[in-house]
Amino acid sequence: MHLRFDRSYLASFLISAVVGAMLVSTTTSVHAQEVFPLPGAPYSAGVTSPAGATLAVIGGIEGAGADTAAAASQALATLAKRLAEVGLTKDHVLRVRAALAPGAAADFTGWNTAWSGFFGGPRLPARVTVGAAGLPGTARIVLDVVAAFPASRGYPATADGARPTLNPNIRLAGPASNPTAIVSTGAGVFLSSGVLPARDNLADPESMEQHIRGAMNSLTTSLGTHGLQWADTFFVRVLPTPQPNRPAVDFAGWSPVFTALNDKTSGHAPAWTMWAAPGFGATGRYVEIEVWAVPQAPHPSFQALDATAQNRLLRMTGTPTGMISSGALVAPNAQLIFLSGIVAPEGTVRDDEGKAVLGLMKERLAAMGATMADVAELRVYRIEGEAGFNAAYASYFNNAESNPHRPVRTNYLVTSLPSGRAVEVEAIIVRPPTGF
């Protein structure tokens, strides 16, 4: 539901959304990635990475051009080159997230045209698409991408010319300014919630650089509580917001912070992506940042059985009274399901969209052999003024009666969503162990 389709296309797609529990997966021996097709859509409902997969994570692929279709084609061509640098192709892609330029430039149809010209066949990746409040430079689209190396490349997989880092589970390829991170999941994975800067630690409350540094300092603390450092991170997502009385988003505030990050990682800074969201619920703070990391050795929490864990391959951390978790620790060699963005069916009342998308998510997860208790990371995109999501969230998560599980979560405002919707959700799922 990422684009404005013709009526017959949209009708078939909405029908497929309603019957999400009927999804049937396909697996190819070449890629060992389980794909859950979404009939009528140009992307899959979700794609599962193999157990112990080595991932390739690429951030900040920008596309510019006369229109969205041209810009997206440029970005996808760059993606193909970046994948080829590590011996992969578009067939190895698990998920693509796209942020489109704001206003009239948020051309979902043009993006769909470029997408369909690049991806085809029965095996399609998962996808998320949003309209941003701003993009760096002249970009009309910014992509971040996750791919998986096939089993034939070994465990962990390697790539010619990849640079070792301080973490033996991370190697880097491509430009040092924004590399491709080659990540072994054999020791597990860490996913964070979005973090804002602390108001009382801002040397200059009007400086975007200071806000970014403040959020990074908060993340330093969060990483440390999980036995991690910045050298263990492989992807950073930076979401600045327009500041009051300033016509343009200060993307340049990231540059000196990235330089500092490069120093802290001995010249091995992780992949990153950046685009602007129109604002956050916490006033007076101008950026939200989240990270993915991999431990150098399996986290100690997996050395003993947690009888209270709903999914024994997943440990959530944070304040017990909070509505979300601050971190998600994923067990070594776990399978991850990358879920496409979900929006509500046509005709859904605006403030009921949150309930509708979470209901669809629950149905699709059931078809994939998972439940809402297996959601490690939940990303929420909302149009300003949407008021029903938090109530819907409380019906599906952090609920002692139905599901006490609390995923890591980041809740972004965006300027537009596919088909004019007010809410979109995406997720990373830790697939629970199954019998024979």
Protein backbone atom coordinates (compact mmCIF):
# COMPACT_ATOMS: atom_id res chain seq x y z
CA MET A 1 0.00 0.00 0.00
CA HIS A 2 2.87 2.28 -0.61
CA LEU A 3 1.58 3.99 -3.70
CA ARG A 4 -1.37 5.40 -5.55
CA PHE A 5 -2.48 2.50 -7.72
CA ASP A 6 -5.20 2.35 -10.33
CA ARG A 7 -8.55 1.19 -8.90
CA SER A 8 -8.33 -2.45 -9.91
CA TYR A 9 -4.77 -2.66 -8.56
CA LEU A 10 -5.76 -0.96 -5.31
CA ALA A 11 -8.82 -3.15 -4.87
CA SER A 12 -6.86 -6.35 -5.25
CA PHE A 13 -4.22 -5.03 -2.90
CA LEU A 14 -6.68 -4.06 -0.18
CA ILE A 15 -8.32 -7.44 -0.42
CA SER A 16 -4.93 -9.05 0.08
CA ALA A 17 -4.37 -6.87 3.14
CA VAL A 18 -7.62 -7.98 4.72
CA VAL A 19 -6.75 -11.62 4.21
CA GLY A 20 -3.18 -11.19 5.41
CA ALA A 21 -3.36 -14.38 7.41
CA MET A 22 -3.54 -16.28 4.11
CA LEU A 23 -0.01 -15.33 3.12
CA VAL A 24 1.99 -18.28 1.81
CA SER A 25 5.78 -18.13 1.97
CA THR A 26 8.27 -19.16 -0.67
CA THR A 27 11.88 -20.15 -0.13
CA THR A 28 14.66 -20.51 -2.69
CA SER A 29 17.63 -22.75 -2.02
CA VAL A 30 19.88 -20.20 -3.69
CA HIS A 31 19.15 -17.44 -1.21
CA ALA A 32 17.74 -19.38 1.78
CA GLN A 33 15.53 -16.36 2.47
CA GLU A 34 11.88 -17.03 3.18
CA VAL A 35 9.66 -14.57 1.33
CA PHE A 36 6.02 -13.86 2.16
CA PRO A 37 4.42 -12.46 -1.01
CA LEU A 38 1.62 -9.88 -0.83
CA PRO A 39 -0.68 -10.58 -3.80
CA GLY A 40 -1.22 -7.52 -5.96
CA ALA A 41 1.59 -5.50 -4.37
CA PRO A 42 5.01 -4.73 -5.90
CA TYR A 43 6.79 -5.82 -2.70
CA SER A 44 6.54 -8.64 -0.19
CA ALA A 45 4.68 -8.58 3.11
CA GLY A 46 7.90 -9.65 4.78
CA VAL A 47 11.23 -11.36 4.19
CA THR A 48 13.08 -13.59 6.65
CA SER A 49 16.85 -13.60 6.93
CA PRO A 50 18.49 -17.03 7.35
CA ALA A 51 19.64 -18.12 10.80
CA GLY A 52 23.12 -16.75 11.50
CA ALA A 53 22.97 -14.56 8.39
CA THR A 54 25.63 -12.06 7.48
CA LEU A 55 23.84 -8.82 6.63
CA ALA A 56 24.87 -5.96 4.36
CA VAL A 57 23.44 -2.67 5.63
CA ILE A 58 23.63 0.41 3.42
CA GLY A 59 22.42 3.84 4.50
CA GLY A 60 21.91 7.25 2.98
CA ILE A 61 21.62 6.39 -0.73
CA GLU A 62 20.46 9.68 -2.22
CA GLY A 63 18.81 10.19 -5.58
CA ALA A 64 18.38 13.51 -7.39
CA GLY A 65 16.82 14.33 -10.72
CA ALA A 66 14.10 16.15 -12.60
CA ASP A 67 11.37 14.09 -10.94
CA THR A 68 10.92 11.31 -8.41
CA ALA A 69 11.05 8.51 -10.98
CA ALA A 70 14.41 9.75 -12.28
CA ALA A 71 15.78 10.35 -8.79
CA ALA A 72 14.63 6.94 -7.57
CA SER A 73 16.14 5.24 -10.62
CA GLN A 74 19.43 6.96 -9.84
CA ALA A 75 19.29 5.84 -6.21
CA LEU A 76 18.48 2.25 -7.20
CA ALA A 77 21.35 2.23 -9.71
CA THR A 78 23.65 3.35 -6.90
CA LEU A 79 22.24 0.57 -4.74
CA ALA A 80 23.07 -1.98 -7.44
CA LYS A 81 26.67 -0.73 -7.54
CA ARG A 82 27.01 -0.82 -3.75
CA LEU A 83 25.66 -4.37 -3.64
CA ALA A 84 28.01 -5.45 -6.44
CA GLU A 85 30.97 -4.09 -4.46
CA VAL A 86 30.36 -6.83 -1.87
CA GLY A 87 29.34 -9.52 -4.34
CA LEU A 88 25.56 -9.20 -3.95
CA THR A 89 22.67 -8.39 -6.29
CA LYS A 90 19.18 -6.96 -5.89
CA ASP A 91 17.94 -10.54 -5.35
CA HIS A 92 19.68 -10.54 -1.96
CA VAL A 93 17.82 -7.46 -0.65
CA LEU A 94 15.62 -8.06 2.39
CA ARG A 95 14.11 -4.60 2.87
CA VAL A 96 14.24 -1.09 1.41
CA ARG A 97 13.14 2.03 3.32
CA ALA A 98 12.51 5.15 1.27
CA ALA A 99 12.02 8.75 2.39
CA LEU A 100 10.59 11.02 -0.32
CA ALA A 101 11.01 14.79 -0.61
CA PRO A 102 8.26 16.85 1.05
CA GLY A 103 5.18 18.50 -0.40
CA ALA A 104 4.26 17.98 -4.02
CA ALA A 105 7.64 16.31 -4.52
CA ALA A 106 6.44 13.32 -2.47
CA ASP A 107 5.55 11.45 -5.63
CA PHE A 108 4.63 7.93 -4.58
CA THR A 109 3.66 7.00 -8.12
CA GLY A 110 7.06 8.00 -9.52
CA TRP A 111 8.74 5.93 -6.83
CA ASN A 112 6.58 2.96 -7.76
CA THR A 113 7.53 3.33 -11.42
CA ALA A 114 11.24 3.23 -10.65
CA TRP A 115 10.79 0.40 -8.16
CA SER A 116 8.90 -1.82 -10.58
CA GLY A 117 11.54 -1.20 -13.23
CA PHE A 118 14.28 -2.35 -10.86
CA PHE A 119 12.70 -5.15 -8.83
CA GLY A 120 10.71 -7.89 -10.50
CA GLY A 121 9.91 -11.58 -10.45
CA PRO A 122 8.38 -13.67 -7.70
CA ARG A 123 10.95 -12.78 -5.07
CA LEU A 124 10.42 -9.18 -3.97
CA PRO A 125 11.93 -7.44 -0.93
CA ALA A 126 9.95 -5.81 1.85
CA ARG A 127 9.49 -2.04 1.60
CA VAL A 128 8.64 1.04 3.65
CA THR A 129 7.86 4.45 2.13
CA VAL A 130 7.21 7.81 3.83
CA GLY A 131 7.11 11.49 2.87
CA ALA A 132 9.82 13.39 4.78
CA ALA A 133 9.89 17.01 5.97
CA GLY A 134 13.20 17.50 4.18
CA LEU A 135 16.12 15.66 2.58
CA PRO A 136 19.81 16.60 2.39
CA GLY A 137 20.96 18.72 -0.54
CA THR A 138 19.06 18.29 -3.78
CA ALA A 139 17.90 14.74 -3.06
CA ARG A 140 14.36 13.75 -3.95
CA ILE A 141 14.69 10.36 -2.29
CA VAL A 142 16.89 8.73 0.38
CA LEU A 143 17.13 4.95 0.79
CA ASP A 144 18.49 2.67 3.47
CA VAL A 145 18.74 -1.02 2.65
CA VAL A 146 19.30 -4.38 4.34
CA ALA A 147 20.50 -7.38 2.31
CA ALA A 148 21.70 -10.85 3.30
CA PHE A 149 24.60 -12.89 2.01
CA PRO A 150 23.65 -16.35 0.70
CA ALA A 151 24.72 -19.45 2.62
CA SER A 152 27.18 -20.28 -0.15
CA ARG A 153 29.33 -17.36 1.05
CA GLY A 154 29.87 -19.05 4.43
CA TYR A 155 29.30 -18.04 8.06
CA PRO A 156 30.30 -15.35 8.53
CA ALA A 157 30.39 -14.22 4.91
CA THR A 158 33.28 -12.13 3.67
CA ALA A 159 33.73 -9.67 0.83
CA ASP A 160 36.91 -8.88 -1.07
CA GLY A 161 38.52 -5.71 0.18
CA ALA A 162 36.24 -5.30 3.21
CA ARG A 163 37.94 -3.44 6.05
CA PRO A 164 38.17 -5.02 9.54
CA THR A 165 36.95 -2.95 12.49
CA LEU A 166 37.37 -3.05 16.27
CA ASN A 167 34.44 -5.49 16.37
CA PRO A 168 35.24 -8.86 14.70
CA ASN A 169 31.59 -9.18 13.67
CA ILE A 170 31.63 -5.98 11.59
CA ARG A 171 33.53 -5.23 8.40
CA LEU A 172 33.12 -2.17 6.21
CA ALA A 173 33.18 -1.71 2.45
CA GLY A 174 32.68 1.24 0.15
CA PRO A 175 33.09 4.90 1.09
CA ALA A 176 34.33 5.64 4.61
CA SER A 177 31.95 8.63 4.69
CA ASN A 178 28.98 6.25 4.69
CA PRO A 179 30.07 2.63 4.28
CA THR A 180 28.33 -0.65 3.65
CA ALA A 181 28.35 -2.51 6.96
CA ILE A 182 28.91 -6.27 6.65
CA VAL A 183 27.54 -7.72 9.87
CA SER A 184 27.59 -11.25 11.25
CA THR A 185 24.55 -11.99 13.41
CA GLY A 186 26.19 -15.08 14.89
CA ALA A 187 26.68 -13.26 18.21
CA GLY A 188 23.25 -11.62 18.19
CA VAL A 189 21.99 -8.10 17.48
CA PHE A 190 21.00 -5.02 19.51
CA LEU A 191 18.25 -2.61 18.41
CA SER A 192 17.52 0.68 20.19
CA SER A 193 14.47 2.85 20.56
CA GLY A 194 14.74 6.38 19.26
CA VAL A 195 16.57 8.68 21.69
CA LEU A 196 16.18 12.43 22.17
CA PRO A 197 18.79 14.78 23.67
CA ALA A 198 18.46 15.65 27.35
CA ARG A 199 17.34 19.27 27.62
CA ASP A 200 19.67 20.07 30.53
CA ASN A 201 22.79 18.93 28.65
CA LEU A 202 22.55 21.29 25.68
CA ALA A 203 25.33 23.87 25.64
CA ASP A 204 23.41 25.82 22.99
CA PRO A 205 19.69 24.93 22.82
CA GLU A 206 19.43 26.47 19.33
CA SER A 207 22.31 24.49 17.82
CA MET A 208 21.37 21.39 15.81
CA GLU A 209 24.91 20.09 16.30
CA GLN A 210 24.42 20.30 20.08
CA HIS A 211 21.09 18.49 19.87
CA ILE A 212 22.69 15.69 17.83
CA ARG A 213 25.59 15.46 20.27
CA GLY A 214 23.10 15.33 23.14
CA ALA A 215 21.18 12.43 21.58
CA MET A 216 24.43 10.61 20.84
CA ASN A 217 25.52 11.05 24.46
CA SER A 218 22.21 9.54 25.59
CA LEU A 219 22.85 6.61 23.25
CA THR A 220 26.36 6.21 24.65
CA THR A 221 24.77 5.56 28.03
CA SER A 222 22.21 3.16 26.56
CA LEU A 223 24.85 1.21 24.67
CA GLY A 224 26.99 0.99 27.80
CA THR A 225 24.17 -0.51 29.86
CA HIS A 226 24.08 -3.35 27.31
CA GLY A 227 27.83 -3.91 27.33
CA LEU A 228 28.27 -2.12 23.98
CA GLN A 229 30.31 0.78 22.62
CA TRP A 230 30.11 2.86 19.46
CA ALA A 231 32.63 0.51 17.82
CA ASP A 232 29.90 -2.14 18.06
CA THR A 233 27.33 -0.12 16.09
CA PHE A 234 26.76 -0.76 12.41
CA PHE A 235 23.86 1.56 11.55
CA VAL A 236 22.71 4.97 12.81
CA ARG A 237 19.46 6.64 11.80
CA VAL A 238 19.40 10.42 12.34
CA LEU A 239 16.06 12.28 12.19
CA PRO A 240 16.44 16.05 12.66
CA THR A 241 13.37 18.28 12.70
CA PRO A 242 12.85 21.81 11.34
CA GLN A 243 13.65 24.39 13.99
CA PRO A 244 11.35 27.33 14.78
CA ASN A 245 11.76 30.34 12.50
CA ARG A 246 14.35 28.58 10.31
CA PRO A 247 13.43 27.91 6.67
CA ALA A 248 15.71 24.89 6.18
CA VAL A 249 16.65 21.86 8.24
CA ASP A 250 20.22 22.04 9.52
CA PHE A 251 21.54 18.75 8.14
CA ALA A 252 25.09 20.14 8.42
CA GLY A 253 24.91 19.69 12.19
CA TRP A 254 25.57 15.96 11.66
CA SER A 255 28.94 16.41 9.95
CA PRO A 256 31.09 17.36 12.99
CA VAL A 257 29.36 14.70 15.08
CA PHE A 258 30.09 12.04 12.45
CA THR A 259 33.74 13.15 12.51
CA ALA A 260 33.76 12.60 16.27
CA LEU A 261 32.08 9.22 15.80
CA ASN A 262 34.75 8.25 13.30
CA ASP A 263 37.40 9.14 15.86
CA LYS A 264 35.67 7.10 18.58
CA THR A 265 35.61 4.05 16.30
CA SER A 266 39.25 4.44 15.17
CA GLY A 267 38.23 5.39 11.65
CA HIS A 268 35.48 2.78 11.33
CA ALA A 269 32.27 4.79 11.69
CA PRO A 270 29.08 2.85 10.84
CA ALA A 271 26.60 3.22 8.01
CA TRP A 272 24.01 5.94 8.57
CA THR A 273 20.98 7.60 7.05
CA MET A 274 19.37 10.99 7.62
CA TRP A 275 16.18 12.75 6.65
CA ALA A 276 13.94 15.24 8.42
CA ALA A 277 10.75 14.57 10.35
CA PRO A 278 8.40 17.51 10.95
CA GLY A 279 8.57 17.39 14.75
CA PHE A 280 8.48 15.30 17.91
CA GLY A 281 6.10 15.17 20.84
CA ALA A 282 8.81 16.39 23.21
CA THR A 283 9.01 20.12 22.52
CA GLY A 284 12.26 21.98 22.30
CA ARG A 285 14.33 19.04 21.02
CA TYR A 286 15.29 18.89 17.38
CA VAL A 287 16.57 15.39 16.67
CA GLU A 288 15.84 11.74 17.40
CA ILE A 289 18.46 9.03 16.78
CA GLU A 290 18.39 5.23 16.89
CA VAL A 291 21.13 2.63 16.43
CA TRP A 292 21.69 -1.00 15.51
CA ALA A 293 24.67 -2.79 17.02
CA VAL A 294 26.19 -6.25 17.28
CA PRO A 295 28.01 -7.57 20.37
CA GLN A 296 31.48 -8.99 20.01
CA ALA A 297 30.31 -12.09 21.90
CA PRO A 298 26.82 -13.35 22.77
CA HIS A 299 25.15 -11.28 25.48
CA PRO A 300 25.31 -12.92 28.93
CA SER A 301 21.51 -12.78 29.24
CA PHE A 302 21.28 -15.70 26.80
CA GLN A 303 23.51 -17.96 28.86
CA ALA A 304 20.60 -18.93 31.11
CA LEU A 305 16.98 -19.71 30.33
CA ASP A 306 14.55 -16.87 31.10
CA ALA A 307 11.34 -18.64 32.06
CA THR A 308 9.42 -15.36 31.84
CA ALA A 309 10.46 -14.57 28.25
CA GLN A 310 7.64 -14.87 25.72
CA ASN A 311 10.27 -15.47 23.03
CA ARG A 312 13.44 -17.07 24.41
CA LEU A 313 15.46 -15.55 21.56
CA LEU A 314 14.55 -11.99 22.58
CA ARG A 315 15.33 -9.92 25.68
CA MET A 316 13.79 -6.48 26.17
CA THR A 317 15.40 -3.85 28.41
CA GLY A 318 14.36 -0.54 29.92
CA THR A 319 12.24 0.98 32.66
CA PRO A 320 9.71 -1.59 33.94
CA THR A 321 6.95 1.05 34.05
CA GLY A 322 7.61 2.42 30.56
CA MET A 323 5.25 1.79 27.66
CA ILE A 324 8.14 0.81 25.37
CA SER A 325 11.52 -0.85 25.81
CA SER A 326 14.77 1.08 25.40
CA GLY A 327 16.63 -1.84 23.86
CA ALA A 328 16.11 -5.23 22.23
CA LEU A 329 18.75 -7.93 22.55
CA VAL A 330 18.41 -10.64 19.91
CA ALA A 331 19.94 -14.07 20.48
CA PRO A 332 22.80 -15.40 18.35
CA ASN A 333 21.79 -16.88 14.99
CA ALA A 334 18.13 -15.83 15.32
CA GLN A 335 16.01 -15.45 12.19
CA LEU A 336 14.78 -11.91 11.60
CA ILE A 337 11.61 -11.08 9.67
CA PHE A 338 11.71 -7.65 8.01
CA LEU A 339 8.10 -6.55 7.74
CA SER A 340 6.92 -4.12 5.07
CA GLY A 341 5.14 -0.92 6.00
CA ILE A 342 1.43 -1.42 6.69
CA VAL A 343 -1.29 1.19 6.23
CA ALA A 344 -5.01 0.90 6.90
CA PRO A 345 -7.56 -0.19 4.27
CA GLU A 346 -9.26 2.53 2.25
CA GLY A 347 -12.17 4.12 4.10
CA THR A 348 -10.79 3.58 7.62
CA VAL A 349 -11.68 6.45 9.97
CA ARG A 350 -8.53 8.49 10.61
CA ASP A 351 -8.30 7.89 14.35
CA ASP A 352 -9.01 4.17 13.84
CA GLU A 353 -6.04 3.69 11.51
CA GLY A 354 -3.68 2.74 14.35
CA LYS A 355 -5.98 -0.07 15.44
CA ALA A 356 -6.41 -1.22 11.83
CA VAL A 357 -2.69 -1.39 11.01
CA LEU A 358 -1.84 -3.25 14.21
CA GLY A 359 -4.67 -5.67 13.51
CA LEU A 360 -3.25 -6.30 10.04
CA MET A 361 0.20 -6.75 11.52
CA LYS A 362 -1.09 -9.37 13.94
CA GLU A 363 -2.74 -11.28 11.07
CA ARG A 364 0.37 -11.20 8.92
CA LEU A 365 2.61 -12.30 11.77
CA ALA A 366 0.34 -15.26 12.44
CA ALA A 367 0.79 -16.33 8.82
CA MET A 368 4.55 -16.06 9.31
CA GLY A 369 4.59 -18.22 12.45
CA ALA A 370 5.01 -15.28 14.83
CA THR A 371 3.00 -13.15 17.24
CA MET A 372 3.03 -9.59 18.54
CA ALA A 373 5.25 -10.84 21.40
CA ASP A 374 7.99 -11.46 18.82
CA VAL A 375 8.20 -7.83 17.67
CA ALA A 376 11.68 -6.55 18.50
CA GLU A 377 11.49 -3.18 16.74
CA LEU A 378 8.36 -1.18 15.89
CA ARG A 379 8.61 1.97 13.83
CA VAL A 380 5.56 4.21 13.65
CA TYR A 381 4.97 7.01 11.14
CA ARG A 382 2.07 9.41 11.70
CA ILE A 383 0.64 12.52 10.12
CA GLU A 384 0.40 15.45 12.53
CA GLY A 385 -3.00 15.49 14.22
CA GLU A 386 -3.50 11.73 14.21
CA ALA A 387 -4.71 10.94 17.71
CA GLY A 388 -5.58 7.26 17.94
CA PHE A 389 -2.32 5.35 17.75
CA ASN A 390 -1.25 5.28 21.39
CA ALA A 391 -4.62 3.90 22.46
CA ALA A 392 -4.36 1.25 19.75
CA TYR A 393 -0.82 0.41 20.86
CA ALA A 394 -2.05 -0.19 24.40
CA SER A 395 -4.50 -2.78 23.06
CA TYR A 396 -1.73 -4.81 21.41
CA PHE A 397 1.38 -4.14 23.54
CA ASN A 398 2.24 -3.40 27.18
CA ASN A 399 -1.07 -4.97 28.10
CA ALA A 400 -1.08 -7.35 31.06
CA GLU A 401 -4.19 -9.14 29.81
CA SER A 402 -3.41 -9.67 26.13
CA ASN A 403 0.32 -9.06 25.60
CA PRO A 404 2.71 -7.56 28.19
CA HIS A 405 5.51 -7.40 25.63
CA ARG A 406 6.98 -3.94 24.94
CA PRO A 407 9.04 -3.57 21.74
CA VAL A 408 11.60 -0.87 21.11
CA ARG A 409 9.72 1.89 19.34
CA THR A 410 10.27 5.17 17.57
CA ASN A 411 7.23 7.28 16.76
CA TYR A 412 7.87 9.77 13.95
CA LEU A 413 5.70 12.46 12.46
CA VAL A 414 5.94 12.61 8.65
CA THR A 415 4.48 14.94 6.05
CA SER A 416 2.73 12.28 3.93
CA LEU A 417 2.10 8.56 3.71
CA PRO A 418 1.02 6.20 0.92
CA SER A 419 -2.56 6.60 -0.33
CA GLY A 420 -3.10 9.63 1.93
CA ARG A 421 -3.13 7.56 5.12
CA ALA A 422 -2.41 8.93 8.59
CA VAL A 423 -0.50 5.96 10.11
CA GLU A 424 2.06 3.47 8.84
CA VAL A 425 3.97 0.86 10.85
CA GLU A 426 6.97 -1.33 10.06
CA ALA A 427 8.73 -3.90 12.22
CA ILE A 428 11.59 -6.32 12.74
CA ILE A 429 10.42 -9.63 14.14
CA VAL A 430 12.49 -12.27 15.94
CA ARG A 431 11.08 -15.51 14.64
CA PRO A 432 10.39 -17.85 17.56
CA PRO A 433 11.87 -21.35 17.63
CA THR A 434 9.74 -24.01 15.96
CA GLY A 435 9.46 -27.77 16.26
CA PHE A 436 10.42 -30.29 13.61
